[in-house]
Structures are given as C-alpha cells and as structure tokens.
C-alpha cells in the first residue's frame, strides 16, 4: 500500500519502492504481477506530476520518482527476460540442469551468479515469484 500526500507531491511507498536497492518480491506471499501493476500506477502518477518524490519505508527519500520507478520496471523486465532466456535455453538444449537441480536453482545459478551467496535465499524466493508470474502469463 502506498499513500499519496498530494500537497507535497510525495508518495509514501513502504516497501514498494526503497530508498536504495530494489524490493524483493518473495514467493509465495509476494505476487510479481500485482507488484508490477503497483509500479505501473506509481509511474502514471509520476508521469502526470502528481508524484515527484517518494518516501520509502526504508532508506532515504527518493527525489526522482519517475526515474526511480523506471529503473525498477527496467530491472524487473531485465530479470524476467533473463529467466525466459534460461528456460528457452533449457528447452532447446543449449543449457542443461545439473544432476538433482530443480528449475528454480537452475535459473538462479544462471542469472544470479554475480550476486553474493548471502543473498541467494532472497534471490531464490524472487526467482520462484518470477517463475510463478511467467506461468500465470502462459510463458513457462
């Protein structure tokens, strides 16, 4: 949930948009489709000037609402494209799972290889949310 303070053109976003980094959409509670819809709504508010800055639940105030939301959307699209590419590579045989590796771990290994291992538990939940989203969209 986000709250708009119209007189200040400020949106209180809680965990939807953070003051630094990006939000982890954790499966099964987090639904990527609903999250993307929220970002689209915030983007529309920023585009028409209703929102110019964001006050997140964590981190500093974000002075460039439009730029930050665009970054978030770009990041999500990029990750989804990476997941699709991993699944396509498995489907066409150019990429293979290791013995005993499930689909989630396979995708994680490919797209989160540059992420420190200490954040892999959160990344795993994020990948599960991405796979769930793609399945719901008919792109599994």
N, C-alpha and C. Protein backbone atom coordinates (compact mmCIF):
# COMPACT_ATOMS: atom_id res chain seq x y z
N UNK A 1 0.84 -1.17 0.00
CA UNK A 1 0.00 0.00 0.00
C UNK A 1 0.89 1.23 0.00
N UNK A 2 0.51 2.18 -0.79
CA UNK A 2 1.19 3.47 -0.83
C UNK A 2 0.18 4.57 -0.51
N UNK A 3 0.67 5.64 0.08
CA UNK A 3 -0.19 6.76 0.43
C UNK A 3 0.32 8.02 -0.25
N UNK A 4 -0.58 8.73 -0.91
CA UNK A 4 -0.22 9.96 -1.61
C UNK A 4 -0.49 11.17 -0.73
N UNK A 5 0.51 12.04 -0.63
CA UNK A 5 0.35 13.34 0.02
C UNK A 5 0.33 14.37 -1.10
N UNK A 6 -0.86 14.67 -1.64
CA UNK A 6 -0.96 15.48 -2.86
C UNK A 6 -0.35 16.87 -2.73
N UNK A 7 -0.49 17.51 -1.56
CA UNK A 7 0.04 18.85 -1.40
C UNK A 7 1.57 18.89 -1.52
N UNK A 8 2.22 17.78 -1.24
CA UNK A 8 3.68 17.70 -1.31
C UNK A 8 4.18 16.94 -2.54
N UNK A 9 3.26 16.40 -3.34
CA UNK A 9 3.62 15.56 -4.50
C UNK A 9 4.52 14.41 -4.05
N UNK A 10 4.22 13.89 -2.87
CA UNK A 10 5.03 12.86 -2.22
C UNK A 10 4.22 11.59 -2.06
N UNK A 11 4.85 10.46 -2.37
CA UNK A 11 4.20 9.16 -2.21
C UNK A 11 4.95 8.37 -1.15
N UNK A 12 4.22 7.95 -0.11
CA UNK A 12 4.78 7.07 0.91
C UNK A 12 4.61 5.64 0.39
N UNK A 13 5.71 4.96 0.13
CA UNK A 13 5.62 3.67 -0.58
C UNK A 13 5.86 2.45 0.29
N UNK A 14 6.20 2.61 1.54
CA UNK A 14 6.50 1.42 2.35
C UNK A 14 7.63 0.64 1.71
N UNK A 15 7.39 -0.63 1.39
CA UNK A 15 8.41 -1.47 0.77
C UNK A 15 8.27 -1.58 -0.74
N UNK A 16 7.32 -0.87 -1.34
CA UNK A 16 7.12 -0.96 -2.79
C UNK A 16 8.32 -0.38 -3.54
N UNK A 17 8.78 0.78 -3.11
CA UNK A 17 9.99 1.39 -3.65
C UNK A 17 10.85 1.74 -2.46
N UNK A 18 12.10 1.33 -2.49
CA UNK A 18 13.02 1.56 -1.37
C UNK A 18 13.92 2.76 -1.65
N UNK A 19 14.54 3.26 -0.61
CA UNK A 19 15.46 4.38 -0.76
C UNK A 19 16.78 3.99 -1.38
N UNK A 20 17.10 2.70 -1.34
CA UNK A 20 18.29 2.18 -2.01
C UNK A 20 18.05 0.70 -2.33
N UNK A 21 18.62 0.25 -3.42
CA UNK A 21 18.39 -1.14 -3.83
C UNK A 21 17.00 -1.31 -4.41
N UNK A 22 16.63 -2.57 -4.62
CA UNK A 22 15.29 -2.86 -5.13
C UNK A 22 14.58 -3.81 -4.19
N UNK A 23 13.28 -3.81 -4.27
CA UNK A 23 12.43 -4.64 -3.43
C UNK A 23 12.50 -6.09 -3.88
N UNK A 24 12.53 -7.00 -2.92
CA UNK A 24 12.47 -8.43 -3.23
C UNK A 24 11.00 -8.85 -3.16
N UNK A 25 10.51 -9.41 -4.24
CA UNK A 25 9.16 -9.96 -4.26
C UNK A 25 9.31 -11.44 -3.93
N UNK A 26 8.93 -11.81 -2.71
CA UNK A 26 9.18 -13.16 -2.19
C UNK A 26 7.97 -14.06 -2.38
N UNK A 27 8.20 -15.16 -3.06
CA UNK A 27 7.19 -16.20 -3.23
C UNK A 27 7.03 -16.92 -1.90
N UNK A 28 5.87 -17.32 -1.50
CA UNK A 28 4.59 -17.28 -2.19
C UNK A 28 3.75 -16.05 -1.84
N UNK A 29 4.15 -15.31 -0.82
CA UNK A 29 3.34 -14.16 -0.40
C UNK A 29 3.38 -13.02 -1.41
N UNK A 30 4.54 -12.75 -1.97
CA UNK A 30 4.66 -11.69 -2.96
C UNK A 30 4.24 -12.17 -4.33
N UNK A 31 3.43 -11.36 -4.99
CA UNK A 31 2.97 -11.70 -6.34
C UNK A 31 3.54 -10.67 -7.30
N UNK A 32 4.38 -11.13 -8.20
CA UNK A 32 5.07 -10.23 -9.12
C UNK A 32 4.10 -9.45 -10.00
N UNK A 33 3.03 -10.07 -10.45
CA UNK A 33 2.05 -9.37 -11.28
C UNK A 33 1.44 -8.18 -10.55
N UNK A 34 1.05 -8.38 -9.31
CA UNK A 34 0.47 -7.29 -8.51
C UNK A 34 1.52 -6.21 -8.25
N UNK A 35 2.75 -6.62 -8.02
CA UNK A 35 3.82 -5.66 -7.78
C UNK A 35 4.07 -4.80 -9.03
N UNK A 36 4.12 -5.44 -10.20
CA UNK A 36 4.32 -4.69 -11.44
C UNK A 36 3.16 -3.72 -11.70
N UNK A 37 1.95 -4.13 -11.37
CA UNK A 37 0.79 -3.24 -11.51
C UNK A 37 0.95 -2.02 -10.59
N UNK A 38 1.44 -2.23 -9.38
CA UNK A 38 1.67 -1.12 -8.46
C UNK A 38 2.71 -0.16 -9.02
N UNK A 39 3.78 -0.71 -9.56
CA UNK A 39 4.81 0.15 -10.16
C UNK A 39 4.25 0.93 -11.35
N UNK A 40 3.40 0.29 -12.15
CA UNK A 40 2.77 0.99 -13.28
C UNK A 40 1.91 2.15 -12.78
N UNK A 41 1.18 1.94 -11.69
CA UNK A 41 0.35 3.02 -11.13
C UNK A 41 1.22 4.17 -10.64
N UNK A 42 2.32 3.84 -9.97
CA UNK A 42 3.22 4.88 -9.48
C UNK A 42 3.85 5.62 -10.66
N UNK A 43 4.20 4.88 -11.70
CA UNK A 43 4.78 5.51 -12.89
C UNK A 43 3.79 6.50 -13.50
N UNK A 44 2.52 6.14 -13.55
CA UNK A 44 1.50 7.04 -14.10
C UNK A 44 1.36 8.30 -13.24
N UNK A 45 1.41 8.14 -11.93
CA UNK A 45 1.34 9.30 -11.03
C UNK A 45 2.54 10.21 -11.21
N UNK A 46 3.70 9.62 -11.43
CA UNK A 46 4.91 10.42 -11.65
C UNK A 46 4.86 11.10 -13.02
N UNK A 47 4.34 10.42 -14.02
CA UNK A 47 4.28 10.97 -15.37
C UNK A 47 3.36 12.19 -15.44
N UNK A 48 2.28 12.18 -14.68
CA UNK A 48 1.36 13.32 -14.74
C UNK A 48 1.68 14.39 -13.69
N UNK A 49 2.77 14.21 -12.95
CA UNK A 49 3.22 15.23 -12.00
C UNK A 49 2.59 15.16 -10.62
N UNK A 50 1.69 14.19 -10.40
CA UNK A 50 1.09 14.07 -9.07
C UNK A 50 2.12 13.66 -8.03
N UNK A 51 3.11 12.87 -8.46
CA UNK A 51 4.17 12.41 -7.56
C UNK A 51 5.51 12.82 -8.16
N UNK A 52 6.28 13.54 -7.37
CA UNK A 52 7.63 13.91 -7.82
C UNK A 52 8.71 13.26 -6.95
N UNK A 53 8.35 12.92 -5.71
CA UNK A 53 9.32 12.25 -4.84
C UNK A 53 8.63 11.14 -4.06
N UNK A 54 9.46 10.25 -3.55
CA UNK A 54 8.98 9.05 -2.86
C UNK A 54 9.63 8.99 -1.49
N UNK A 55 8.80 8.68 -0.49
CA UNK A 55 9.31 8.44 0.87
C UNK A 55 9.12 6.96 1.16
N UNK A 56 10.19 6.19 1.06
CA UNK A 56 10.09 4.74 1.27
C UNK A 56 10.04 4.40 2.76
N UNK A 57 9.66 3.17 3.03
CA UNK A 57 9.67 2.69 4.41
C UNK A 57 11.08 2.47 4.92
N UNK A 58 12.05 2.30 4.02
CA UNK A 58 13.44 2.07 4.38
C UNK A 58 14.32 2.93 3.48
N UNK A 59 15.32 3.57 4.05
CA UNK A 59 16.25 4.34 3.26
C UNK A 59 15.83 5.78 3.09
N UNK A 60 16.65 6.55 2.38
CA UNK A 60 16.39 7.98 2.23
C UNK A 60 15.25 8.28 1.26
N UNK A 61 14.73 9.49 1.36
CA UNK A 61 13.71 9.95 0.41
C UNK A 61 14.29 9.93 -1.00
N UNK A 62 13.47 9.55 -1.94
CA UNK A 62 13.87 9.45 -3.34
C UNK A 62 13.34 10.70 -4.05
N UNK A 63 14.23 11.61 -4.48
CA UNK A 63 13.77 12.86 -5.08
C UNK A 63 13.26 12.73 -6.53
N UNK A 64 13.65 11.66 -7.22
CA UNK A 64 13.27 11.48 -8.62
C UNK A 64 12.35 10.27 -8.75
N UNK A 65 11.07 10.49 -8.48
CA UNK A 65 10.11 9.39 -8.52
C UNK A 65 10.07 8.72 -9.89
N UNK A 66 9.97 9.52 -10.94
CA UNK A 66 9.84 8.96 -12.30
C UNK A 66 11.06 8.12 -12.67
N UNK A 67 12.24 8.64 -12.43
CA UNK A 67 13.46 7.92 -12.78
C UNK A 67 13.63 6.65 -11.98
N UNK A 68 13.29 6.71 -10.71
CA UNK A 68 13.44 5.54 -9.85
C UNK A 68 12.47 4.44 -10.23
N UNK A 69 11.22 4.80 -10.50
CA UNK A 69 10.24 3.78 -10.89
C UNK A 69 10.60 3.19 -12.25
N UNK A 70 11.11 4.01 -13.15
CA UNK A 70 11.54 3.48 -14.45
C UNK A 70 12.69 2.49 -14.25
N UNK A 71 13.62 2.81 -13.35
CA UNK A 71 14.71 1.89 -13.05
C UNK A 71 14.17 0.57 -12.51
N UNK A 72 13.22 0.65 -11.59
CA UNK A 72 12.62 -0.57 -11.02
C UNK A 72 11.96 -1.41 -12.12
N UNK A 73 11.17 -0.77 -12.97
CA UNK A 73 10.49 -1.51 -14.04
C UNK A 73 11.49 -2.12 -15.01
N UNK A 74 12.52 -1.36 -15.36
CA UNK A 74 13.56 -1.87 -16.26
C UNK A 74 14.25 -3.08 -15.62
N UNK A 75 14.58 -2.97 -14.35
CA UNK A 75 15.24 -4.07 -13.64
C UNK A 75 14.36 -5.33 -13.66
N UNK A 76 13.07 -5.17 -13.40
CA UNK A 76 12.15 -6.33 -13.40
C UNK A 76 12.04 -6.94 -14.80
N UNK A 77 11.92 -6.09 -15.81
CA UNK A 77 11.83 -6.61 -17.20
C UNK A 77 13.11 -7.36 -17.56
N UNK A 78 14.24 -6.81 -17.19
CA UNK A 78 15.52 -7.43 -17.48
C UNK A 78 15.63 -8.80 -16.80
N UNK A 79 15.24 -8.88 -15.54
CA UNK A 79 15.29 -10.17 -14.83
C UNK A 79 14.33 -11.17 -15.47
N UNK A 80 13.14 -10.73 -15.82
CA UNK A 80 12.19 -11.64 -16.47
C UNK A 80 12.73 -12.12 -17.81
N UNK A 81 13.38 -11.25 -18.56
CA UNK A 81 13.99 -11.66 -19.82
C UNK A 81 15.10 -12.69 -19.58
N UNK A 82 15.85 -12.52 -18.51
CA UNK A 82 16.90 -13.48 -18.18
C UNK A 82 16.30 -14.84 -17.81
N UNK A 83 15.21 -14.83 -17.06
CA UNK A 83 14.54 -16.08 -16.71
C UNK A 83 14.01 -16.75 -17.97
N UNK A 84 13.36 -15.98 -18.84
CA UNK A 84 12.85 -16.54 -20.10
C UNK A 84 13.98 -17.15 -20.93
N UNK A 85 15.12 -16.47 -20.98
CA UNK A 85 16.26 -16.97 -21.76
C UNK A 85 16.79 -18.27 -21.17
N UNK A 86 16.84 -18.36 -19.86
CA UNK A 86 17.30 -19.59 -19.21
C UNK A 86 16.35 -20.74 -19.53
N UNK A 87 15.06 -20.49 -19.43
CA UNK A 87 14.07 -21.53 -19.73
C UNK A 87 14.10 -21.92 -21.20
N UNK A 88 14.28 -20.94 -22.09
CA UNK A 88 14.37 -21.24 -23.52
C UNK A 88 15.63 -22.05 -23.82
N UNK A 89 16.72 -21.70 -23.16
CA UNK A 89 17.96 -22.45 -23.35
C UNK A 89 17.84 -23.89 -22.90
N UNK A 90 17.11 -24.09 -21.81
CA UNK A 90 16.88 -25.47 -21.36
C UNK A 90 15.98 -26.19 -22.36
N UNK A 91 14.95 -25.51 -22.84
CA UNK A 91 14.01 -26.13 -23.77
C UNK A 91 14.67 -26.52 -25.08
N UNK A 92 15.62 -25.68 -25.56
CA UNK A 92 16.25 -26.02 -26.84
C UNK A 92 17.55 -26.82 -26.67
N UNK A 93 17.90 -27.13 -25.43
CA UNK A 93 19.04 -27.99 -25.17
C UNK A 93 20.39 -27.29 -25.09
N UNK A 94 20.43 -25.98 -25.23
CA UNK A 94 21.71 -25.28 -25.15
C UNK A 94 22.16 -25.09 -23.70
N UNK A 95 21.23 -25.16 -22.76
CA UNK A 95 21.55 -25.08 -21.33
C UNK A 95 20.97 -26.31 -20.64
N UNK A 96 21.70 -26.86 -19.70
CA UNK A 96 21.21 -28.04 -19.02
C UNK A 96 21.32 -27.87 -17.51
N UNK A 97 20.39 -28.54 -16.84
CA UNK A 97 20.41 -28.56 -15.38
C UNK A 97 21.47 -29.54 -14.90
N UNK A 98 22.02 -29.24 -13.75
CA UNK A 98 22.95 -30.16 -13.10
C UNK A 98 22.13 -31.29 -12.48
N UNK A 99 22.74 -32.44 -12.24
CA UNK A 99 22.00 -33.54 -11.60
C UNK A 99 21.39 -33.09 -10.27
N UNK A 100 20.10 -33.34 -10.10
CA UNK A 100 19.39 -33.00 -8.88
C UNK A 100 18.97 -31.54 -8.77
N UNK A 101 19.28 -30.74 -9.77
CA UNK A 101 18.97 -29.32 -9.73
C UNK A 101 17.53 -29.08 -10.19
N UNK A 102 16.74 -28.40 -9.36
CA UNK A 102 15.37 -28.10 -9.79
C UNK A 102 15.38 -26.84 -10.65
N UNK A 103 14.22 -26.52 -11.22
CA UNK A 103 14.11 -25.39 -12.14
C UNK A 103 14.53 -24.08 -11.47
N UNK A 104 14.10 -23.89 -10.23
CA UNK A 104 14.43 -22.64 -9.53
C UNK A 104 15.94 -22.49 -9.35
N UNK A 105 16.60 -23.54 -8.88
CA UNK A 105 18.05 -23.47 -8.68
C UNK A 105 18.80 -23.32 -10.00
N UNK A 106 18.30 -23.95 -11.03
CA UNK A 106 18.89 -23.81 -12.37
C UNK A 106 18.86 -22.35 -12.82
N UNK A 107 17.70 -21.73 -12.71
CA UNK A 107 17.56 -20.33 -13.12
C UNK A 107 18.43 -19.45 -12.23
N UNK A 108 18.40 -19.68 -10.93
CA UNK A 108 19.22 -18.89 -10.01
C UNK A 108 20.70 -18.95 -10.37
N UNK A 109 21.18 -20.14 -10.61
CA UNK A 109 22.60 -20.32 -10.95
C UNK A 109 22.99 -19.51 -12.18
N UNK A 110 22.08 -19.43 -13.14
CA UNK A 110 22.38 -18.72 -14.38
C UNK A 110 22.28 -17.21 -14.25
N UNK A 111 21.26 -16.72 -13.57
CA UNK A 111 21.06 -15.26 -13.59
C UNK A 111 21.53 -14.54 -12.34
N UNK A 112 21.81 -15.26 -11.27
CA UNK A 112 22.29 -14.61 -10.05
C UNK A 112 23.72 -15.01 -9.72
N UNK A 113 24.48 -15.43 -10.72
CA UNK A 113 25.86 -15.87 -10.49
C UNK A 113 26.75 -14.75 -9.98
N UNK A 114 26.39 -13.51 -10.25
CA UNK A 114 27.20 -12.37 -9.82
C UNK A 114 26.76 -11.79 -8.48
N UNK A 115 25.77 -12.42 -7.86
CA UNK A 115 25.22 -11.94 -6.59
C UNK A 115 25.87 -12.72 -5.44
N UNK A 116 26.24 -12.04 -4.36
CA UNK A 116 26.84 -12.74 -3.22
C UNK A 116 25.95 -13.87 -2.70
N UNK A 117 26.56 -14.96 -2.31
CA UNK A 117 25.81 -16.13 -1.84
C UNK A 117 24.92 -15.81 -0.63
N UNK A 118 25.29 -14.82 0.16
CA UNK A 118 24.50 -14.50 1.35
C UNK A 118 23.09 -13.98 0.99
N UNK A 119 22.90 -13.50 -0.23
CA UNK A 119 21.57 -13.03 -0.64
C UNK A 119 20.82 -14.06 -1.48
N UNK A 120 21.42 -15.23 -1.70
CA UNK A 120 20.76 -16.25 -2.50
C UNK A 120 19.43 -16.73 -1.92
N UNK A 121 19.26 -16.82 -0.60
CA UNK A 121 17.93 -17.22 -0.12
C UNK A 121 16.83 -16.25 -0.58
N UNK A 122 17.10 -14.97 -0.54
CA UNK A 122 16.12 -13.98 -1.03
C UNK A 122 15.99 -14.08 -2.54
N UNK A 123 17.11 -14.29 -3.23
CA UNK A 123 17.07 -14.42 -4.69
C UNK A 123 16.24 -15.64 -5.09
N UNK A 124 16.35 -16.71 -4.33
CA UNK A 124 15.59 -17.93 -4.64
C UNK A 124 14.09 -17.65 -4.58
N UNK A 125 13.65 -16.93 -3.53
CA UNK A 125 12.24 -16.59 -3.41
C UNK A 125 11.80 -15.67 -4.55
N UNK A 126 12.69 -14.80 -4.97
CA UNK A 126 12.40 -13.91 -6.09
C UNK A 126 12.25 -14.70 -7.39
N UNK A 127 13.15 -15.66 -7.62
CA UNK A 127 13.05 -16.50 -8.82
C UNK A 127 11.75 -17.30 -8.80
N UNK A 128 11.38 -17.79 -7.65
CA UNK A 128 10.13 -18.54 -7.55
C UNK A 128 8.94 -17.63 -7.92
N UNK A 129 8.97 -16.37 -7.48
CA UNK A 129 7.91 -15.42 -7.84
C UNK A 129 7.93 -15.15 -9.34
N UNK A 130 9.12 -15.05 -9.93
CA UNK A 130 9.23 -14.82 -11.37
C UNK A 130 8.70 -16.01 -12.16
N UNK A 131 9.05 -17.20 -11.74
CA UNK A 131 8.56 -18.40 -12.43
C UNK A 131 7.04 -18.50 -12.30
N UNK A 132 6.51 -18.19 -11.13
CA UNK A 132 5.06 -18.21 -10.92
C UNK A 132 4.38 -17.19 -11.82
N UNK A 133 4.96 -16.00 -11.94
CA UNK A 133 4.42 -14.95 -12.80
C UNK A 133 4.41 -15.40 -14.26
N UNK A 134 5.53 -15.95 -14.72
CA UNK A 134 5.61 -16.39 -16.12
C UNK A 134 4.62 -17.52 -16.39
N UNK A 135 4.45 -18.42 -15.44
CA UNK A 135 3.47 -19.49 -15.60
C UNK A 135 2.07 -18.92 -15.72
N UNK A 136 1.74 -17.95 -14.87
CA UNK A 136 0.42 -17.32 -14.91
C UNK A 136 0.20 -16.57 -16.22
N UNK A 137 1.28 -16.06 -16.82
CA UNK A 137 1.20 -15.35 -18.09
C UNK A 137 1.21 -16.31 -19.28
N UNK A 138 1.40 -17.60 -19.01
CA UNK A 138 1.47 -18.58 -20.08
C UNK A 138 2.82 -18.64 -20.74
N UNK A 139 3.86 -18.18 -20.05
CA UNK A 139 5.22 -18.16 -20.61
C UNK A 139 6.16 -19.12 -19.90
N UNK A 140 5.66 -20.24 -19.47
CA UNK A 140 6.55 -21.18 -18.76
C UNK A 140 7.18 -22.03 -19.80
